[in-house]
Amino acid sequence: MQGDGDGWVFGADGTRHWGRNGAAGLLLRAPDQEQRSMVLLQHRAAWSHQGGTWALPGGAMDSHESPVDAAVREAGEEAGIRESQVAVRAERVTATADSGWSYTTVVADADHALSTVPNGESTELRWVAEADVDSLPLHPAFAVSWPTLRAPAVDVVLDTANLLGAVGTKSGESAWWRDRPGATTALLSELAASLPRTLELPSGGFGWVSRIVAVLEGDAATAVSDHPAVVTVVAPPGGDDTVVELASQAVGPTLVVTADKGLRGRLPHGVDAVGPSALGR
């Protein structure tokens, strides 16, 4: 389907880029059976620009579209992905030109490896393990942007009481304090339902979160998580020491979710912290 964005934009040096209003593509992740991240890639048809390389489903933005609208539409046209199947996490401008043209990568997740339906622009659509993306002959522009878009596995330690006090729960945001164990159980259930997922990091990069360690204290200590992706640890009153201990014992990249500035100041070097809003609830 042709829109008003289709067409080349030429730079002063003669270089050209597709999309009169810029272009956008969808970086869609989903978990494999081991909950590790996979990325949906398109093997571009030989006749297309940079044909034979691997890249993201994407294309020109129409004048009325946002980058998210365009990326999701293009994924529908080129891969049969429906808007209702994806959760958008972020958008990044990953290429620009002196002509004013730009390319925006929209980062999104699916809860499983979706079935795909290629159109004539694709030789193949494939879910590729994140660690194997570099092994493919990538579209040159995608190859340049990929290091800023990759999402290594990250463990999350949750200052649960702080999070609950900051945002409540979807099912009872104004009454969580009346039933802390029940509200905490609801919160953990909500978080489990969102995993695994891509998470924006304070560094500007991304992480793949498939597991959360939730620190419980006080009246909330009896809260229950029945999902293996959310592990609970009961702490003494004032659970900050336990959060710091867990962060210190971590062997890989770790992120602490808390709005407590004092706790953030106690975290070991190399452990980042984000506020409750980062979980995108």
Protein backbone atom coordinates (compact mmCIF):
# COMPACT_ATOMS: atom_id res chain seq x y z
CA MET A 1 0.00 0.00 0.00
CA GLN A 2 1.47 3.34 -1.06
CA GLY A 3 1.31 6.29 1.30
CA ASP A 4 2.36 9.94 1.04
CA GLY A 5 5.67 9.09 2.72
CA ASP A 6 6.88 6.79 -0.04
CA GLY A 7 9.77 8.28 -1.98
CA TRP A 8 13.48 9.04 -1.74
CA VAL A 9 15.06 11.93 0.13
CA PHE A 10 18.37 13.08 -1.38
CA GLY A 11 21.23 14.69 0.49
CA ALA A 12 23.56 17.38 -0.83
CA ASP A 13 26.18 14.74 -1.60
CA GLY A 14 23.71 12.62 -3.56
CA THR A 15 23.06 10.02 -0.88
CA ARG A 16 19.47 8.88 -0.68
CA HIS A 17 17.20 7.59 2.06
CA TRP A 18 13.73 6.08 1.78
CA GLY A 19 10.84 8.01 3.30
CA ARG A 20 9.86 11.60 2.55
CA ASN A 21 8.84 12.07 6.18
CA GLY A 22 11.53 9.81 7.59
CA ALA A 23 11.23 6.10 8.29
CA ALA A 24 10.63 3.79 11.23
CA GLY A 25 11.09 0.11 12.03
CA LEU A 26 9.96 -2.30 14.74
CA LEU A 27 12.52 -4.06 16.92
CA LEU A 28 10.31 -6.80 18.35
CA ARG A 29 11.55 -9.16 21.07
CA ALA A 30 9.99 -12.34 22.41
CA PRO A 31 11.21 -15.09 24.77
CA ASP A 32 12.41 -18.52 23.69
CA GLN A 33 11.65 -21.64 25.75
CA GLU A 34 14.43 -20.72 28.17
CA GLN A 35 13.07 -17.16 28.51
CA ARG A 36 16.06 -15.74 26.61
CA SER A 37 15.40 -12.94 24.16
CA MET A 38 14.87 -13.37 20.45
CA VAL A 39 14.52 -10.64 17.83
CA LEU A 40 12.28 -10.72 14.76
CA LEU A 41 14.40 -10.04 11.66
CA GLN A 42 13.53 -9.66 8.00
CA HIS A 43 15.72 -11.08 5.22
CA ARG A 44 15.28 -8.40 2.63
CA ALA A 45 14.23 -9.41 -0.88
CA ALA A 46 17.02 -9.24 -3.46
CA TRP A 47 15.28 -6.46 -5.44
CA SER A 48 14.99 -4.13 -2.43
CA HIS A 49 17.51 -1.53 -1.26
CA GLN A 50 20.41 -3.43 0.36
CA GLY A 51 18.65 -6.65 -0.66
CA GLY A 52 19.97 -9.88 0.80
CA THR A 53 20.74 -8.33 4.18
CA TRP A 54 18.88 -8.75 7.49
CA ALA A 55 17.10 -5.86 9.16
CA LEU A 56 13.92 -4.88 10.96
CA PRO A 57 10.46 -4.73 9.43
CA GLY A 58 9.95 -1.06 8.65
CA GLY A 59 9.55 1.63 6.05
CA ALA A 60 8.48 5.15 5.23
CA MET A 61 6.37 7.22 7.63
CA ASP A 62 3.29 8.90 6.27
CA SER A 63 2.73 12.56 7.14
CA HIS A 64 -0.03 11.82 9.67
CA GLU A 65 1.85 9.07 11.47
CA SER A 66 4.01 8.94 14.57
CA PRO A 67 7.09 6.67 14.48
CA VAL A 68 5.22 4.12 16.60
CA ASP A 69 2.22 4.17 14.24
CA ALA A 70 4.46 3.72 11.21
CA ALA A 71 6.62 0.97 12.72
CA VAL A 72 3.63 -1.09 13.86
CA ARG A 73 1.84 -0.60 10.52
CA GLU A 74 4.93 -1.68 8.58
CA ALA A 75 5.32 -4.76 10.79
CA GLY A 76 1.73 -5.60 9.95
CA GLU A 77 2.26 -5.17 6.22
CA GLU A 78 5.62 -6.97 6.05
CA ALA A 79 5.27 -9.60 8.77
CA GLY A 80 1.57 -9.94 9.60
CA ILE A 81 2.09 -8.63 13.15
CA ARG A 82 -1.00 -7.08 14.74
CA GLU A 83 -0.88 -4.00 16.98
CA SER A 84 -2.70 -5.87 19.74
CA GLN A 85 0.11 -8.44 19.88
CA VAL A 86 2.91 -6.06 20.87
CA ALA A 87 3.77 -3.88 23.86
CA VAL A 88 5.80 -0.81 22.86
CA ARG A 89 8.61 -0.05 25.32
CA ALA A 90 10.60 2.80 23.75
CA GLU A 91 11.53 4.64 20.58
CA ARG A 92 14.97 5.85 19.52
CA VAL A 93 16.21 7.89 16.58
CA THR A 94 18.99 5.63 15.33
CA ALA A 95 19.98 7.36 12.07
CA THR A 96 19.91 10.90 10.72
CA ALA A 97 21.01 12.65 7.53
CA ASP A 98 21.84 16.26 6.64
CA SER A 99 18.75 16.28 4.42
CA GLY A 100 16.61 16.20 7.57
CA TRP A 101 15.71 12.55 7.11
CA SER A 102 15.74 10.30 10.17
CA TYR A 103 15.04 6.69 11.10
CA THR A 104 13.33 5.79 14.37
CA THR A 105 13.60 2.34 15.90
CA VAL A 106 10.55 1.42 17.96
CA VAL A 107 11.36 -1.17 20.63
CA ALA A 108 8.54 -3.57 21.57
CA ASP A 109 7.90 -6.96 23.14
CA ALA A 110 5.60 -9.89 22.41
CA ASP A 111 4.81 -12.53 24.99
CA HIS A 112 5.80 -15.33 22.62
CA ALA A 113 7.39 -15.81 19.21
CA LEU A 114 4.51 -14.72 17.00
CA SER A 115 3.68 -16.43 13.74
CA THR A 116 4.59 -14.26 10.76
CA VAL A 117 3.34 -13.80 7.22
CA PRO A 118 5.96 -12.32 4.86
CA ASN A 119 5.08 -10.09 1.94
CA GLY A 120 7.02 -9.54 -1.27
CA GLU A 121 9.65 -7.41 0.50
CA SER A 122 10.91 -10.39 2.49
CA THR A 123 12.77 -13.52 1.47
CA GLU A 124 12.31 -14.79 5.02
CA LEU A 125 11.18 -13.67 8.46
CA ARG A 126 13.00 -15.30 11.37
CA TRP A 127 13.09 -15.14 15.15
CA VAL A 128 16.82 -14.90 15.90
CA ALA A 129 18.43 -15.41 19.30
CA GLU A 130 19.70 -12.03 20.46
CA ALA A 131 23.22 -13.41 20.85
CA ASP A 132 23.20 -14.57 17.20
CA VAL A 133 22.09 -11.34 15.52
CA ASP A 134 25.67 -10.28 14.82
CA SER A 135 26.35 -13.53 12.97
CA LEU A 136 24.02 -12.54 10.12
CA PRO A 137 24.85 -10.21 7.20
CA LEU A 138 23.04 -7.16 8.56
CA HIS A 139 21.78 -4.14 6.66
CA PRO A 140 24.59 -1.58 7.10
CA ALA A 141 22.43 0.96 8.94
CA PHE A 142 21.02 -1.69 11.26
CA ALA A 143 24.53 -3.01 11.93
CA VAL A 144 25.57 0.47 13.10
CA SER A 145 22.57 0.89 15.40
CA TRP A 146 22.40 -2.65 16.79
CA PRO A 147 25.03 -2.16 19.56
CA THR A 148 22.85 0.60 21.06
CA LEU A 149 19.69 -1.51 20.81
CA ARG A 150 20.79 -4.91 22.11
CA ALA A 151 19.36 -5.97 25.46
CA PRO A 152 21.60 -8.22 27.58
CA ALA A 153 19.99 -10.17 30.41
CA VAL A 154 19.49 -8.08 33.56
CA ASP A 155 18.35 -9.19 37.03
CA VAL A 156 16.01 -6.85 38.90
CA VAL A 157 15.89 -6.42 42.68
CA LEU A 158 12.63 -4.83 43.77
CA ASP A 159 12.24 -2.56 46.79
CA THR A 160 8.67 -3.81 46.99
CA ALA A 161 7.35 -1.65 49.84
CA ASN A 162 8.70 1.48 48.17
CA LEU A 163 7.17 0.55 44.83
CA LEU A 164 3.80 -0.25 46.35
CA GLY A 165 3.74 3.02 48.28
CA ALA A 166 4.65 4.97 45.17
CA VAL A 167 2.19 3.50 42.69
CA GLY A 168 -0.25 1.19 44.48
CA THR A 169 -1.74 -1.56 42.34
CA LYS A 170 -3.98 -1.51 39.32
CA SER A 171 -6.68 -3.31 41.25
CA GLY A 172 -6.64 -1.06 44.32
CA GLU A 173 -4.36 1.95 44.08
CA SER A 174 -6.11 3.95 46.81
CA ALA A 175 -6.51 1.17 49.39
CA TRP A 176 -3.25 -0.80 49.31
CA TRP A 177 -2.35 0.23 52.87
CA ARG A 178 -5.47 -1.49 54.27
CA ASP A 179 -4.30 -4.93 53.15
CA ARG A 180 -0.58 -4.90 52.55
CA PRO A 181 -0.18 -8.67 51.99
CA GLY A 182 -3.07 -8.71 49.51
CA ALA A 183 -1.92 -5.57 47.71
CA THR A 184 1.65 -6.87 47.54
CA THR A 185 0.48 -10.21 46.15
CA ALA A 186 -1.53 -8.33 43.51
CA LEU A 187 1.50 -6.20 42.65
CA LEU A 188 3.75 -9.25 42.24
CA SER A 189 1.13 -10.89 40.02
CA GLU A 190 0.96 -7.80 37.82
CA LEU A 191 4.74 -7.72 37.46
CA ALA A 192 4.93 -11.44 36.68
CA ALA A 193 2.38 -10.99 33.90
CA SER A 194 4.66 -8.45 32.22
CA LEU A 195 7.72 -10.75 32.12
CA PRO A 196 9.91 -11.32 30.28
CA ARG A 197 10.32 -7.85 28.84
CA THR A 198 12.67 -5.18 27.55
CA LEU A 199 13.52 -2.46 30.06
CA GLU A 200 15.18 0.90 29.44
CA LEU A 201 18.32 1.38 31.54
CA PRO A 202 19.67 4.60 33.10
CA SER A 203 22.68 4.32 30.78
CA GLY A 204 20.40 4.82 27.79
CA GLY A 205 20.65 1.18 26.73
CA PHE A 206 18.27 -1.72 27.23
CA GLY A 207 18.10 -4.85 29.33
CA TRP A 208 16.13 -8.08 29.02
CA VAL A 209 14.35 -8.88 32.28
CA SER A 210 13.10 -12.44 32.79
CA ARG A 211 13.35 -12.56 36.59
CA ILE A 212 12.59 -10.25 39.51
CA VAL A 213 13.70 -10.68 43.13
CA ALA A 214 11.12 -8.92 45.31
CA VAL A 215 12.19 -7.94 48.83
CA LEU A 216 9.29 -8.16 51.30
CA GLU A 217 9.17 -6.69 54.80
CA GLY A 218 6.79 -5.97 57.63
CA ASP A 219 3.11 -6.74 57.13
CA ALA A 220 3.76 -7.62 53.49
CA ALA A 221 6.08 -10.52 54.37
CA THR A 222 3.26 -13.04 53.92
CA ALA A 223 2.57 -11.95 50.35
CA VAL A 224 2.74 -14.78 47.83
CA SER A 225 4.15 -15.04 44.33
CA ASP A 226 3.04 -18.12 42.42
CA HIS A 227 5.10 -17.29 39.34
CA PRO A 228 8.67 -18.65 38.99
CA ALA A 229 9.82 -15.40 37.40
CA VAL A 230 9.14 -13.44 40.61
CA VAL A 231 11.12 -14.71 43.60
CA THR A 232 10.40 -13.31 47.07
CA VAL A 233 12.92 -12.69 49.85
CA VAL A 234 11.67 -11.79 53.34
CA ALA A 235 13.75 -9.06 54.98
CA PRO A 236 13.93 -7.71 58.54
CA PRO A 237 12.07 -4.44 59.21
CA GLY A 238 13.57 -1.74 57.04
CA GLY A 239 14.53 -3.96 54.12
CA ASP A 240 17.19 -1.70 52.65
CA ASP A 241 20.04 -3.84 53.99
CA THR A 242 18.63 -6.87 52.21
CA VAL A 243 18.27 -4.98 48.93
CA VAL A 244 21.91 -3.84 49.17
CA GLU A 245 23.05 -7.38 50.06
CA LEU A 246 21.25 -8.93 47.12
CA ALA A 247 22.64 -6.30 44.75
CA SER A 248 26.15 -6.94 46.09
CA GLN A 249 25.87 -10.70 45.60
CA ALA A 250 24.70 -10.46 41.98
CA VAL A 251 27.04 -12.03 39.44
CA GLY A 252 25.64 -10.29 36.36
CA PRO A 253 24.09 -6.96 35.38
CA THR A 254 21.65 -5.93 38.10
CA LEU A 255 19.08 -3.18 38.43
CA VAL A 256 17.37 -2.03 41.63
CA VAL A 257 13.87 -0.58 41.38
CA THR A 258 13.30 2.03 44.08
CA ALA A 259 12.44 5.69 44.55
CA ASP A 260 14.42 5.81 47.82
CA LYS A 261 17.35 8.19 47.28
CA GLY A 262 19.06 7.01 50.45
CA LEU A 263 18.97 3.39 49.28
CA ARG A 264 20.26 4.36 45.86
CA GLY A 265 23.28 5.97 47.50
CA ARG A 266 24.14 2.69 49.25
CA LEU A 267 24.16 0.48 46.16
CA PRO A 268 27.47 -1.06 45.12
CA HIS A 269 29.42 0.37 42.21
CA GLY A 270 28.07 -0.83 38.88
CA VAL A 271 24.51 -1.45 40.10
CA ASP A 272 22.04 1.01 38.60
CA ALA A 273 18.70 2.07 40.02
CA VAL A 274 15.48 3.16 38.37
CA GLY A 275 12.22 4.53 39.73
CA PRO A 276 8.90 2.67 39.83
CA SER A 277 7.73 4.21 36.55
CA ALA A 278 10.47 2.34 34.68
CA LEU A 279 8.44 -0.87 34.94
CA GLY A 280 5.80 0.72 32.75
CA ARG A 281 2.86 -0.38 34.83
